[in-house]
Amino acid sequence: MKNLLARAALFMHDEDGVTAIEYGLLAGLIALLIIGGVTTLGTNLSAIFNNLADSI
């Protein structure tokens, strides 16, 4: 029984899993920001090149 309580106490204080989840969430947020930025940039560049092509 002591062994089980000791393991439970270690599990409650273990932060490795929490850190991995935090890094995963941060990486996902960064990926979403990059995708959004690239999509917006692509749309704007497309409009610029279309205007350029129309003026030629």
N, C-alpha and C. Protein backbone atom coordinates (compact mmCIF):
# COMPACT_ATOMS: atom_id res chain seq x y z
N MET A 1 0.83 -1.19 0.00
CA MET A 1 0.00 0.00 0.00
C MET A 1 0.87 1.25 0.00
N LYS A 2 2.00 1.20 0.74
CA LYS A 2 2.90 2.34 0.78
C LYS A 2 3.47 2.64 -0.60
N ASN A 3 3.78 1.56 -1.32
CA ASN A 3 4.33 1.72 -2.66
C ASN A 3 3.32 2.42 -3.58
N LEU A 4 2.07 2.06 -3.46
CA LEU A 4 1.02 2.68 -4.28
C LEU A 4 0.87 4.15 -3.96
N LEU A 5 0.91 4.50 -2.68
CA LEU A 5 0.80 5.90 -2.28
C LEU A 5 2.02 6.70 -2.74
N ALA A 6 3.19 6.09 -2.66
CA ALA A 6 4.40 6.77 -3.12
C ALA A 6 4.34 7.03 -4.62
N ARG A 7 3.87 6.04 -5.37
CA ARG A 7 3.74 6.21 -6.82
C ARG A 7 2.71 7.27 -7.17
N ALA A 8 1.62 7.30 -6.44
CA ALA A 8 0.58 8.31 -6.68
C ALA A 8 1.12 9.70 -6.39
N ALA A 9 1.91 9.84 -5.33
CA ALA A 9 2.50 11.14 -4.99
C ALA A 9 3.48 11.58 -6.07
N LEU A 10 4.29 10.66 -6.58
CA LEU A 10 5.21 10.99 -7.65
C LEU A 10 4.47 11.40 -8.92
N PHE A 11 3.38 10.70 -9.20
CA PHE A 11 2.58 11.02 -10.39
C PHE A 11 1.98 12.41 -10.29
N MET A 12 1.54 12.78 -9.12
CA MET A 12 0.91 14.09 -8.93
C MET A 12 1.92 15.23 -9.08
N HIS A 13 3.19 14.97 -8.80
CA HIS A 13 4.21 16.02 -8.87
C HIS A 13 5.02 15.96 -10.16
N ASP A 14 4.73 15.00 -11.02
CA ASP A 14 5.46 14.87 -12.28
C ASP A 14 4.98 15.95 -13.26
N GLU A 15 5.90 16.72 -13.79
CA GLU A 15 5.54 17.81 -14.70
C GLU A 15 5.98 17.56 -16.14
N ASP A 16 6.56 16.42 -16.43
CA ASP A 16 7.03 16.15 -17.79
C ASP A 16 5.88 16.13 -18.78
N GLY A 17 4.79 15.50 -18.45
CA GLY A 17 3.64 15.44 -19.35
C GLY A 17 3.01 16.80 -19.57
N VAL A 18 2.95 17.59 -18.53
CA VAL A 18 2.37 18.93 -18.64
C VAL A 18 3.22 19.79 -19.56
N THR A 19 4.52 19.70 -19.42
CA THR A 19 5.42 20.47 -20.27
C THR A 19 5.28 20.06 -21.72
N ALA A 20 5.17 18.78 -21.98
CA ALA A 20 5.00 18.31 -23.35
C ALA A 20 3.70 18.83 -23.95
N ILE A 21 2.64 18.82 -23.17
CA ILE A 21 1.36 19.33 -23.66
C ILE A 21 1.45 20.82 -23.94
N GLU A 22 2.11 21.57 -23.06
CA GLU A 22 2.27 23.01 -23.28
C GLU A 22 3.05 23.29 -24.56
N TYR A 23 4.13 22.55 -24.78
CA TYR A 23 4.90 22.74 -26.01
C TYR A 23 4.07 22.36 -27.23
N GLY A 24 3.27 21.32 -27.12
CA GLY A 24 2.40 20.93 -28.23
C GLY A 24 1.38 21.99 -28.56
N LEU A 25 0.77 22.57 -27.53
CA LEU A 25 -0.20 23.64 -27.76
C LEU A 25 0.47 24.87 -28.36
N LEU A 26 1.65 25.19 -27.89
CA LEU A 26 2.38 26.34 -28.43
C LEU A 26 2.76 26.11 -29.90
N ALA A 27 3.20 24.92 -30.22
CA ALA A 27 3.54 24.60 -31.61
C ALA A 27 2.31 24.66 -32.50
N GLY A 28 1.17 24.19 -32.00
CA GLY A 28 -0.07 24.26 -32.77
C GLY A 28 -0.50 25.69 -33.02
N LEU A 29 -0.38 26.54 -32.02
CA LEU A 29 -0.74 27.95 -32.17
C LEU A 29 0.18 28.64 -33.18
N ILE A 30 1.46 28.36 -33.10
CA ILE A 30 2.41 28.94 -34.06
C ILE A 30 2.09 28.47 -35.47
N ALA A 31 1.76 27.20 -35.63
CA ALA A 31 1.40 26.67 -36.95
C ALA A 31 0.16 27.36 -37.49
N LEU A 32 -0.84 27.59 -36.65
CA LEU A 32 -2.04 28.29 -37.11
C LEU A 32 -1.73 29.72 -37.53
N LEU A 33 -0.88 30.39 -36.78
CA LEU A 33 -0.49 31.76 -37.15
C LEU A 33 0.26 31.79 -38.47
N ILE A 34 1.14 30.84 -38.67
CA ILE A 34 1.89 30.78 -39.93
C ILE A 34 0.96 30.50 -41.09
N ILE A 35 0.04 29.56 -40.93
CA ILE A 35 -0.91 29.23 -42.00
C ILE A 35 -1.78 30.44 -42.32
N GLY A 36 -2.26 31.13 -41.30
CA GLY A 36 -3.07 32.32 -41.53
C GLY A 36 -2.29 33.42 -42.24
N GLY A 37 -1.05 33.63 -41.83
CA GLY A 37 -0.22 34.65 -42.46
C GLY A 37 0.10 34.33 -43.91
N VAL A 38 0.43 33.09 -44.18
CA VAL A 38 0.74 32.69 -45.55
C VAL A 38 -0.49 32.78 -46.44
N THR A 39 -1.64 32.41 -45.92
CA THR A 39 -2.89 32.51 -46.68
C THR A 39 -3.20 33.95 -47.03
N THR A 40 -3.07 34.83 -46.05
CA THR A 40 -3.32 36.26 -46.29
C THR A 40 -2.32 36.84 -47.27
N LEU A 41 -1.06 36.49 -47.10
CA LEU A 41 -0.02 36.97 -48.00
C LEU A 41 -0.27 36.47 -49.42
N GLY A 42 -0.65 35.21 -49.56
CA GLY A 42 -0.93 34.66 -50.88
C GLY A 42 -2.09 35.36 -51.56
N THR A 43 -3.13 35.66 -50.82
CA THR A 43 -4.29 36.37 -51.37
C THR A 43 -3.88 37.77 -51.82
N ASN A 44 -3.12 38.46 -51.00
CA ASN A 44 -2.68 39.81 -51.35
C ASN A 44 -1.75 39.81 -52.55
N LEU A 45 -0.83 38.86 -52.62
CA LEU A 45 0.07 38.78 -53.77
C LEU A 45 -0.70 38.44 -55.04
N SER A 46 -1.68 37.60 -54.93
CA SER A 46 -2.50 37.26 -56.09
C SER A 46 -3.21 38.50 -56.61
N ALA A 47 -3.76 39.31 -55.72
CA ALA A 47 -4.44 40.54 -56.13
C ALA A 47 -3.46 41.51 -56.78
N ILE A 48 -2.26 41.62 -56.24
CA ILE A 48 -1.25 42.52 -56.81
C ILE A 48 -0.88 42.07 -58.22
N PHE A 49 -0.63 40.79 -58.40
CA PHE A 49 -0.24 40.30 -59.72
C PHE A 49 -1.39 40.37 -60.71
N ASN A 50 -2.62 40.17 -60.25
CA ASN A 50 -3.77 40.32 -61.14
C ASN A 50 -3.92 41.77 -61.59
N ASN A 51 -3.74 42.71 -60.68
CA ASN A 51 -3.79 44.13 -61.06
C ASN A 51 -2.68 44.49 -62.03
N LEU A 52 -1.50 43.94 -61.80
CA LEU A 52 -0.37 44.17 -62.69
C LEU A 52 -0.65 43.60 -64.08
N ALA A 53 -1.19 42.40 -64.12
CA ALA A 53 -1.51 41.77 -65.41
C ALA A 53 -2.60 42.54 -66.14
N ASP A 54 -3.58 43.06 -65.42
CA ASP A 54 -4.65 43.83 -66.05
C ASP A 54 -4.12 45.15 -66.62
N SER A 55 -3.15 45.75 -65.94
CA SER A 55 -2.63 47.03 -66.42
C SER A 55 -1.68 46.86 -67.60
N ILE A 56 -1.18 45.67 -67.81
CA ILE A 56 -0.30 45.42 -68.96
C ILE A 56 -1.15 45.12 -70.13
